[in-house]
Amino acid sequence: AHASQQEAGAHRARVEALGTKALAASAAGLVICCAPASVVGLVLGLKARSAAASRGVPLPTRATLGIVLGALGTILTACAYVFGFIASERDRAANDARIVAIEAQLGDQPRRARLDNATACALAELHARRTGLNGKSTTSLERFECPGALTQDDARATLEDFTFAPSSSKPLVRVNVCFKRGDRWFVTELSTSACP
């Protein structure tokens, strides 16, 4: 009888430990929106439930909470990823549509000998939408402003104070737009310093 009580106590302690681990992992996964931690918590909670049922010991509340929070955390994280993907695709489609509209608006204007402000601003936005800033491409650019002066000679031009925001939550970025002319005018870079 004593050995049986000791064995039951050991099983109860193992189930309690699994329940504690399940609750900790599930709570962490829910708080930091981490699906792997939530899945670990869910699996540990289910192991605790299985171990409790096979040994005839009561399932601790911590294990039940671990199962519930693990399932909730996994579902919420999956929903967040799906929502993020849909928002990213929507931004990409809007960015692509704006690129097509700018290209249609520009027509043959970049082939002219002299740049005008409207063409320079359109080329600057087109370049920003295609390449981003400093090699960091993004499809959520917005709030384009083009109030700066345009200076040029036969082969090069500079548009000052071209501004845009990488996203709605980011501050405006102010750059100088550097142009070069070959068979047409094109942007060589968006520079935070003077153009070469």
Protein backbone atom coordinates (compact mmCIF):
# COMPACT_ATOMS: atom_id res chain seq x y z
CA ALA A 1 0.00 0.00 0.00
CA HIS A 2 2.87 2.34 0.87
CA ALA A 3 4.64 1.61 -2.45
CA SER A 4 1.37 2.16 -4.32
CA GLN A 5 0.86 5.54 -2.60
CA GLN A 6 4.42 6.56 -3.44
CA GLU A 7 3.91 5.59 -7.09
CA ALA A 8 0.61 7.52 -7.24
CA GLY A 9 2.35 10.53 -5.68
CA ALA A 10 5.14 10.33 -8.26
CA HIS A 11 2.60 10.17 -11.12
CA ARG A 12 0.68 13.12 -9.67
CA ALA A 13 3.92 15.10 -9.38
CA ARG A 14 4.81 14.29 -13.02
CA VAL A 15 1.37 15.36 -14.23
CA GLU A 16 1.62 18.57 -12.14
CA ALA A 17 5.05 19.32 -13.65
CA LEU A 18 3.72 18.78 -17.18
CA GLY A 19 0.76 21.05 -16.38
CA THR A 20 3.06 23.77 -15.08
CA LYS A 21 5.25 23.59 -18.19
CA ALA A 22 2.18 23.59 -20.44
CA LEU A 23 0.78 26.70 -18.77
CA ALA A 24 4.12 28.53 -18.89
CA ALA A 25 4.74 27.76 -22.58
CA SER A 26 1.15 28.57 -23.60
CA ALA A 27 1.10 31.84 -21.67
CA ALA A 28 4.44 32.89 -23.18
CA GLY A 29 3.23 31.99 -26.69
CA LEU A 30 0.04 33.99 -26.21
CA VAL A 31 1.82 37.06 -24.82
CA ILE A 32 4.56 37.26 -27.47
CA CYS A 33 2.38 35.91 -30.32
CA CYS A 34 4.72 32.98 -30.93
CA ALA A 35 3.00 29.98 -32.49
CA PRO A 36 5.78 27.47 -31.67
CA ALA A 37 5.58 28.24 -27.94
CA SER A 38 1.79 27.97 -28.03
CA VAL A 39 2.01 24.61 -29.83
CA VAL A 40 4.53 23.35 -27.25
CA GLY A 41 2.18 24.42 -24.45
CA LEU A 42 -0.75 22.71 -26.15
CA VAL A 43 1.22 19.47 -26.67
CA LEU A 44 2.47 19.46 -23.05
CA GLY A 45 -1.08 20.06 -21.80
CA LEU A 46 -2.38 17.15 -23.86
CA LYS A 47 0.46 14.94 -22.57
CA ALA A 48 -0.48 15.90 -19.01
CA ARG A 49 -4.13 15.03 -19.70
CA SER A 50 -3.15 11.67 -21.22
CA ALA A 51 -0.81 10.87 -18.32
CA ALA A 52 -3.49 11.82 -15.77
CA ALA A 53 -6.10 9.64 -17.49
CA SER A 54 -3.78 6.62 -17.77
CA ARG A 55 -2.75 6.78 -14.09
CA GLY A 56 -6.15 7.71 -12.71
CA VAL A 57 -4.99 10.98 -11.14
CA PRO A 58 -6.94 14.26 -11.41
CA LEU A 59 -5.90 16.67 -14.19
CA PRO A 60 -4.45 19.86 -12.68
CA THR A 61 -6.11 23.16 -13.54
CA ARG A 62 -2.73 24.38 -14.86
CA ALA A 63 -2.76 21.68 -17.53
CA THR A 64 -6.29 22.58 -18.60
CA LEU A 65 -5.32 26.25 -18.79
CA GLY A 66 -2.21 25.25 -20.78
CA ILE A 67 -4.39 23.41 -23.32
CA VAL A 68 -6.86 26.30 -23.65
CA LEU A 69 -4.20 29.04 -23.86
CA GLY A 70 -2.06 26.95 -26.22
CA ALA A 71 -4.95 26.44 -28.62
CA LEU A 72 -5.94 30.11 -28.36
CA GLY A 73 -2.36 31.31 -28.91
CA THR A 74 -1.91 29.04 -31.95
CA ILE A 75 -5.16 30.25 -33.54
CA LEU A 76 -4.48 33.94 -32.84
CA THR A 77 -0.92 33.72 -34.19
CA ALA A 78 -2.13 31.98 -37.34
CA CYS A 79 -4.77 34.70 -37.80
CA ALA A 80 -2.14 37.43 -37.31
CA TYR A 81 0.11 35.87 -39.97
CA VAL A 82 -2.79 35.51 -42.41
CA PHE A 83 -3.88 39.11 -41.80
CA GLY A 84 -0.29 40.33 -42.27
CA PHE A 85 0.03 38.41 -45.53
CA ILE A 86 -3.26 39.79 -46.86
CA ALA A 87 -2.28 43.35 -45.90
CA SER A 88 1.13 42.92 -47.55
CA GLU A 89 -0.45 41.61 -50.76
CA ARG A 90 -2.93 44.51 -50.75
CA ASP A 91 -0.05 47.00 -50.36
CA ARG A 92 1.90 45.28 -53.14
CA ALA A 93 -1.09 45.42 -55.52
CA ALA A 94 -1.67 49.12 -54.76
CA ASN A 95 2.04 49.86 -55.27
CA ASP A 96 2.08 47.98 -58.59
CA ALA A 97 -1.04 49.81 -59.76
CA ARG A 98 0.54 53.17 -58.90
CA ILE A 99 3.72 52.23 -60.83
CA VAL A 100 1.62 51.44 -63.92
CA ALA A 101 -0.24 54.75 -63.55
CA ILE A 102 3.01 56.75 -63.25
CA GLU A 103 4.52 55.02 -66.29
CA ALA A 104 1.40 55.85 -68.32
CA GLN A 105 1.47 59.46 -67.09
CA LEU A 106 5.15 59.88 -68.00
CA GLY A 107 4.87 58.62 -71.55
CA ASP A 108 7.81 60.01 -73.60
CA GLN A 109 8.59 62.93 -71.27
CA PRO A 110 11.80 61.36 -69.83
CA ARG A 111 13.25 61.34 -73.39
CA ARG A 112 13.15 65.13 -73.67
CA ALA A 113 16.39 67.08 -73.49
CA ARG A 114 15.30 68.98 -70.36
CA LEU A 115 13.50 67.70 -67.28
CA ASP A 116 10.54 69.60 -65.90
CA ASN A 117 9.49 69.44 -62.25
CA ALA A 118 6.45 67.24 -62.85
CA THR A 119 8.49 64.66 -64.76
CA ALA A 120 11.29 64.75 -62.17
CA CYS A 121 8.78 64.21 -59.33
CA ALA A 122 7.09 61.33 -61.17
CA LEU A 123 10.44 59.67 -61.93
CA ALA A 124 11.47 60.07 -58.27
CA GLU A 125 8.26 58.44 -57.01
CA LEU A 126 8.58 55.67 -59.58
CA HIS A 127 12.15 54.94 -58.46
CA ALA A 128 11.18 54.98 -54.77
CA ARG A 129 8.27 52.62 -55.37
CA ARG A 130 10.46 50.21 -57.31
CA THR A 131 13.60 50.19 -55.16
CA GLY A 132 12.76 51.72 -51.78
CA LEU A 133 15.47 53.58 -49.87
CA ASN A 134 19.03 52.35 -49.27
CA GLY A 135 18.25 48.99 -50.85
CA LYS A 136 15.34 48.36 -48.45
CA SER A 137 12.39 47.73 -50.71
CA THR A 138 8.91 48.30 -49.34
CA THR A 139 5.46 48.34 -50.87
CA SER A 140 3.80 50.62 -48.32
CA LEU A 141 5.29 53.98 -49.34
CA GLU A 142 3.02 56.98 -48.96
CA ARG A 143 2.76 60.76 -48.42
CA PHE A 144 4.96 61.73 -51.36
CA GLU A 145 5.80 65.45 -51.48
CA CYS A 146 7.90 67.18 -54.10
CA PRO A 147 8.36 70.86 -53.19
CA GLY A 148 12.11 71.13 -53.89
CA ALA A 149 14.05 72.92 -56.58
CA LEU A 150 15.23 71.14 -59.72
CA THR A 151 18.71 71.98 -61.03
CA GLN A 152 20.21 70.42 -64.15
CA ASP A 153 22.75 70.56 -66.91
CA ASP A 154 22.90 68.53 -70.12
CA ALA A 155 23.64 65.17 -68.50
CA ARG A 156 22.75 65.40 -64.79
CA ALA A 157 20.01 66.83 -62.59
CA THR A 158 19.19 67.11 -58.89
CA LEU A 159 15.76 67.40 -57.29
CA GLU A 160 16.00 68.65 -53.71
CA ASP A 161 13.74 67.95 -50.75
CA PHE A 162 11.80 65.00 -52.13
CA THR A 163 9.95 63.44 -49.19
CA PHE A 164 7.93 60.30 -48.54
CA ALA A 165 7.11 57.97 -45.66
CA PRO A 166 8.08 54.27 -45.68
CA SER A 167 4.70 53.54 -44.01
CA SER A 168 1.91 55.37 -42.20
CA SER A 169 3.61 54.88 -38.82
CA LYS A 170 7.09 56.03 -39.93
CA PRO A 171 8.31 59.64 -40.15
CA LEU A 172 8.92 61.35 -43.46
CA VAL A 173 12.24 60.68 -45.20
CA ARG A 174 13.80 63.69 -46.97
CA VAL A 175 16.21 62.99 -49.85
CA ASN A 176 17.86 64.57 -52.85
CA VAL A 177 17.01 62.76 -56.08
CA CYS A 178 19.96 62.32 -58.44
CA PHE A 179 19.26 61.99 -62.17
CA LYS A 180 21.37 61.09 -65.16
CA ARG A 181 20.58 61.31 -68.85
CA GLY A 182 21.35 58.60 -71.39
CA ASP A 183 18.77 57.98 -74.09
CA ARG A 184 16.33 59.19 -71.41
CA TRP A 185 16.38 60.72 -67.92
CA PHE A 186 16.53 58.22 -65.07
CA VAL A 187 17.14 58.26 -61.31
CA THR A 188 20.55 57.06 -60.19
CA GLU A 189 19.92 57.31 -56.45
CA LEU A 190 17.92 58.79 -53.61
CA SER A 191 20.57 60.45 -51.47
CA THR A 192 20.39 61.93 -47.99
CA SER A 193 23.43 64.05 -48.94
CA ALA A 194 24.30 66.04 -52.05
CA CYS A 195 24.22 64.29 -55.40
CA PRO A 196 27.63 63.53 -56.92
